[in-house]
């Protein structure tokens, strides 16, 4: 970030414009303002958690340093997890700055409840499983940026964060109901509205995220071992 701080500043400005466009453009569609800012923040974090691992592997393979990572005593899965956590912390700082600028420039307030934080962390742990699946594909095919873009924008528009699920086709709703981001946003909105969360809903989020995380770990380890057997780490 110190070396390429202009890129991060530009990215923050672009995200601000992006957020303002959605907030102003969709604030009169029947969704509350809380829904818009909450869904956007969830998606902003989700994009980082999903993409960081695959971007990191792709960069290392293109620069020819990926094999050096594999030679380290620490497993590559732990390295990717640490990198994702670091970038999540950086993204968290960006979100704080972004929300502060939005509040100052638009003179609006965003309701928040500390109980949303554990729900968000559990939700993002499940989405990290998506990130591990993409990372596993990157181990084999190197360039998977298009997959990341498809998943990221699907989560933005079809999980109830920006567009109400009731306005979407039935088959999209069925798919969205199985995604941790949809469940996390729904529970967070219930908290903001003052509704009592049933224990079954919280247990459902833990189960859903746990399944995706476990699936991501299993697929990543399998593809990692397959890549080592086939020598794919030095193939790019």
Protein backbone atom coordinates (compact mmCIF):
# COMPACT_ATOMS: atom_id res chain seq x y z
CA UNK A 1 0.00 0.00 0.00
CA UNK A 2 2.90 2.38 0.67
CA UNK A 3 4.37 1.69 -2.76
CA UNK A 4 1.14 1.92 -4.74
CA UNK A 5 -0.97 4.25 -2.60
CA UNK A 6 -2.31 6.17 -5.66
CA UNK A 7 -4.04 2.98 -6.82
CA UNK A 8 -5.75 2.60 -3.45
CA UNK A 9 -6.82 6.24 -3.41
CA UNK A 10 -8.29 5.92 -6.91
CA UNK A 11 -10.01 2.69 -5.89
CA UNK A 12 -11.53 4.41 -2.88
CA UNK A 13 -12.82 7.28 -5.05
CA UNK A 14 -14.30 4.85 -7.58
CA UNK A 15 -15.99 2.90 -4.80
CA UNK A 16 -17.38 6.15 -3.39
CA UNK A 17 -18.88 7.06 -6.78
CA UNK A 18 -20.21 3.52 -7.14
CA UNK A 19 -21.83 3.65 -3.73
CA UNK A 20 -23.35 7.11 -4.30
CA UNK A 21 -24.83 5.94 -7.61
CA UNK A 22 -26.57 2.99 -5.99
CA UNK A 23 -27.59 4.87 -2.88
CA UNK A 24 -29.14 7.83 -4.70
CA UNK A 25 -30.51 5.79 -7.59
CA UNK A 26 -32.13 3.02 -5.57
CA UNK A 27 -33.14 4.79 -2.36
CA UNK A 28 -36.69 5.28 -3.71
CA UNK A 29 -37.29 1.73 -4.97
CA UNK A 30 -38.97 0.56 -1.77
CA UNK A 31 -35.80 -0.59 -0.05
CA UNK A 32 -34.77 1.24 3.08
CA UNK A 33 -31.56 3.23 3.13
CA UNK A 34 -30.25 0.82 5.77
CA UNK A 35 -30.67 -2.03 3.33
CA UNK A 36 -28.62 -0.31 0.66
CA UNK A 37 -25.63 0.61 2.78
CA UNK A 38 -25.65 -2.70 4.66
CA UNK A 39 -25.84 -4.79 1.50
CA UNK A 40 -23.09 -2.78 -0.15
CA UNK A 41 -20.76 -3.12 2.85
CA UNK A 42 -21.37 -6.87 3.02
CA UNK A 43 -20.60 -7.15 -0.70
CA UNK A 44 -17.50 -4.95 -0.42
CA UNK A 45 -16.05 -7.27 2.23
CA UNK A 46 -17.17 -10.36 0.33
CA UNK A 47 -15.36 -9.26 -2.83
CA UNK A 48 -12.08 -9.01 -0.92
CA UNK A 49 -12.49 -12.36 0.82
CA UNK A 50 -13.41 -14.15 -2.42
CA UNK A 51 -10.82 -12.65 -4.75
CA UNK A 52 -7.65 -12.20 -2.69
CA UNK A 53 -6.48 -15.83 -2.76
CA UNK A 54 -6.88 -16.35 -6.50
CA UNK A 55 -5.33 -12.95 -7.33
CA UNK A 56 -2.38 -13.72 -5.06
CA UNK A 57 -1.71 -17.12 -6.63
CA UNK A 58 -2.10 -15.76 -10.17
CA UNK A 59 0.35 -12.93 -9.47
CA UNK A 60 2.90 -15.26 -7.88
CA UNK A 61 2.71 -17.69 -10.80
CA UNK A 62 3.12 -14.93 -13.39
CA UNK A 63 6.17 -13.49 -11.62
CA UNK A 64 7.70 -16.95 -11.18
CA UNK A 65 7.76 -16.88 -7.36
CA UNK A 66 4.92 -19.31 -6.63
CA UNK A 67 7.27 -22.30 -6.32
CA UNK A 68 9.19 -20.44 -3.62
CA UNK A 69 5.99 -20.18 -1.59
CA UNK A 70 5.48 -23.92 -1.92
CA UNK A 71 9.00 -24.52 -0.54
CA UNK A 72 8.25 -22.65 2.68
CA UNK A 73 7.62 -24.67 5.87
CA UNK A 74 4.17 -23.05 6.12
CA UNK A 75 1.41 -24.60 4.02
CA UNK A 76 0.18 -22.45 1.14
CA UNK A 77 -3.35 -22.59 2.58
CA UNK A 78 -2.16 -20.86 5.76
CA UNK A 79 -0.32 -18.23 3.70
CA UNK A 80 -3.45 -17.46 1.65
CA UNK A 81 -5.55 -17.30 4.82
CA UNK A 82 -3.12 -14.82 6.40
CA UNK A 83 -3.07 -12.66 3.27
CA UNK A 84 -6.85 -12.66 3.09
CA UNK A 85 -7.11 -11.61 6.75
CA UNK A 86 -4.62 -8.77 6.19
CA UNK A 87 -6.50 -7.46 3.15
CA UNK A 88 -9.77 -7.82 5.01
CA UNK A 89 -8.37 -5.54 7.72
CA UNK A 90 -7.25 -3.04 5.06
CA UNK A 91 -10.70 -3.21 3.44
CA UNK A 92 -12.26 -2.61 6.85
CA UNK A 93 -10.25 0.62 7.17
CA UNK A 94 -11.34 1.63 3.66
CA UNK A 95 -14.98 1.05 4.56
CA UNK A 96 -14.66 3.21 7.68
CA UNK A 97 -13.13 6.03 5.61
CA UNK A 98 -15.72 5.59 2.87
CA UNK A 99 -18.67 5.70 5.25
CA UNK A 100 -17.25 8.76 7.00
CA UNK A 101 -16.91 10.59 3.66
CA UNK A 102 -20.44 9.57 2.63
CA UNK A 103 -21.90 10.78 5.92
CA UNK A 104 -20.12 14.13 5.58
CA UNK A 105 -20.91 14.64 1.88
CA UNK A 106 -24.54 13.45 1.88
CA UNK A 107 -25.32 14.42 5.49
CA UNK A 108 -27.05 11.14 6.23
CA UNK A 109 -26.68 8.63 9.06
CA UNK A 110 -26.44 4.87 8.81
CA UNK A 111 -27.92 2.75 11.61
CA UNK A 112 -25.71 -0.01 12.93
CA UNK A 113 -25.77 -2.64 15.64
CA UNK A 114 -22.74 -4.39 17.12
CA UNK A 115 -24.60 -7.71 16.88
CA UNK A 116 -24.16 -7.50 13.11
CA UNK A 117 -20.37 -7.95 13.43
CA UNK A 118 -20.39 -11.66 14.46
CA UNK A 119 -23.02 -12.37 11.79
CA UNK A 120 -20.81 -10.68 9.21
CA UNK A 121 -17.72 -12.64 10.30
CA UNK A 122 -19.57 -15.95 10.10
CA UNK A 123 -20.95 -14.98 6.69
CA UNK A 124 -17.50 -14.03 5.38
CA UNK A 125 -16.01 -17.30 6.64
CA UNK A 126 -18.45 -19.13 4.37
CA UNK A 127 -17.57 -16.83 1.47
CA UNK A 128 -13.91 -17.57 2.12
CA UNK A 129 -14.82 -21.08 1.03
CA UNK A 130 -15.80 -19.59 -2.35
CA UNK A 131 -12.43 -17.87 -2.40
CA UNK A 132 -10.64 -21.16 -1.76
CA UNK A 133 -12.50 -22.80 -4.64
CA UNK A 134 -11.39 -19.99 -6.95
CA UNK A 135 -7.86 -20.31 -5.59
CA UNK A 136 -7.97 -24.03 -6.32
CA UNK A 137 -8.95 -23.31 -9.92
CA UNK A 138 -6.12 -20.77 -10.13
CA UNK A 139 -3.66 -23.44 -9.03
CA UNK A 140 -4.57 -25.40 -12.16
CA UNK A 141 -5.57 -22.76 -14.73
CA UNK A 142 -3.71 -19.66 -13.39
CA UNK A 143 -6.11 -17.02 -14.77
CA UNK A 144 -9.56 -17.14 -13.21
CA UNK A 145 -10.38 -13.42 -12.96
CA UNK A 146 -13.50 -13.87 -15.08
CA UNK A 147 -14.91 -16.41 -12.59
CA UNK A 148 -14.27 -14.00 -9.73
CA UNK A 149 -16.09 -11.20 -11.57
CA UNK A 150 -19.11 -13.40 -12.27
CA UNK A 151 -19.40 -14.51 -8.63
CA UNK A 152 -18.78 -11.02 -7.26
CA UNK A 153 -21.44 -9.27 -9.35
CA UNK A 154 -23.91 -12.10 -8.85
CA UNK A 155 -23.54 -11.60 -5.11
CA UNK A 156 -23.99 -7.85 -5.52
CA UNK A 157 -27.26 -7.96 -7.45
CA UNK A 158 -28.86 -11.28 -6.51
CA UNK A 159 -28.51 -11.68 -2.75
CA UNK A 160 -30.95 -9.00 -1.62
CA UNK A 161 -28.28 -6.42 -0.85
CA UNK A 162 -29.15 -3.99 -3.64
CA UNK A 163 -32.29 -5.42 -5.22
CA UNK A 164 -35.11 -6.94 -3.17
CA UNK A 165 -35.31 -10.70 -3.63
CA UNK A 166 -39.05 -10.44 -4.22
CA UNK A 167 -38.31 -8.60 -7.48
CA UNK A 168 -36.13 -11.43 -8.84
CA UNK A 169 -37.14 -14.58 -10.76
CA UNK A 170 -38.04 -17.61 -8.69
CA UNK A 171 -35.04 -19.70 -9.75
CA UNK A 172 -32.67 -16.90 -8.73
CA UNK A 173 -34.32 -16.71 -5.30
CA UNK A 174 -33.87 -20.47 -4.83
CA UNK A 175 -30.16 -20.18 -5.58
CA UNK A 176 -29.74 -17.06 -3.44
CA UNK A 177 -31.38 -18.72 -0.42
CA UNK A 178 -28.46 -21.17 -0.23
CA UNK A 179 -25.77 -18.45 -0.21
CA UNK A 180 -24.27 -17.29 3.09
CA UNK A 181 -24.31 -13.65 1.97
CA UNK A 182 -28.08 -13.72 1.47
CA UNK A 183 -28.62 -15.24 4.91
CA UNK A 184 -26.19 -12.82 6.56
CA UNK A 185 -27.82 -9.74 5.03
CA UNK A 186 -31.29 -11.01 5.93
CA UNK A 187 -30.35 -11.60 9.57
CA UNK A 188 -28.58 -8.24 9.81
CA UNK A 189 -31.61 -6.44 8.46
CA UNK A 190 -33.77 -8.23 11.02
CA UNK A 191 -31.49 -6.92 13.77
CA UNK A 192 -31.72 -3.35 12.45
CA UNK A 193 -35.50 -3.59 12.26
CA UNK A 194 -35.66 -4.71 15.90
CA UNK A 195 -36.91 -8.23 15.17
CA UNK A 196 -35.98 -11.14 17.42
CA UNK A 197 -33.67 -13.62 15.73
CA UNK A 198 -34.71 -17.26 16.18
CA UNK A 199 -31.91 -19.61 17.16
CA UNK A 200 -32.71 -21.78 14.13
CA UNK A 201 -31.81 -18.89 11.79
CA UNK A 202 -28.47 -18.34 13.50
CA UNK A 203 -27.75 -22.07 13.47
CA UNK A 204 -28.66 -22.12 9.77
CA UNK A 205 -26.08 -19.41 9.03
CA UNK A 206 -23.37 -21.27 10.95
CA UNK A 207 -24.21 -24.52 9.16
CA UNK A 208 -24.36 -22.91 5.73
CA UNK A 209 -21.06 -21.05 6.13
CA UNK A 210 -19.40 -24.11 7.67
CA UNK A 211 -20.38 -26.29 4.72
CA UNK A 212 -19.01 -23.82 2.17
CA UNK A 213 -15.80 -23.32 4.15
CA UNK A 214 -15.22 -27.05 4.51
CA UNK A 215 -15.99 -27.61 0.82
CA UNK A 216 -13.51 -24.89 -0.15
CA UNK A 217 -10.76 -26.39 2.02
CA UNK A 218 -11.31 -29.89 0.64
CA UNK A 219 -11.30 -28.71 -3.00
CA UNK A 220 -8.24 -26.53 -2.45
CA UNK A 221 -6.21 -29.32 -0.83
CA UNK A 222 -7.20 -31.73 -3.60
CA UNK A 223 -6.24 -29.31 -6.38
CA UNK A 224 -3.04 -28.40 -4.56
CA UNK A 225 -1.97 -32.03 -4.36
CA UNK A 226 -3.02 -32.60 -7.97
CA UNK A 227 -0.98 -29.59 -9.10
CA UNK A 228 2.08 -30.86 -7.26
CA UNK A 229 1.80 -34.29 -8.88
CA UNK A 230 1.40 -32.78 -12.35
CA UNK A 231 4.02 -30.08 -11.88
CA UNK A 232 1.55 -27.31 -12.66
CA UNK A 233 3.17 -24.83 -10.27
CA UNK A 234 6.01 -24.30 -12.76
CA UNK A 235 3.94 -24.67 -15.92
CA UNK A 236 2.87 -21.06 -16.48
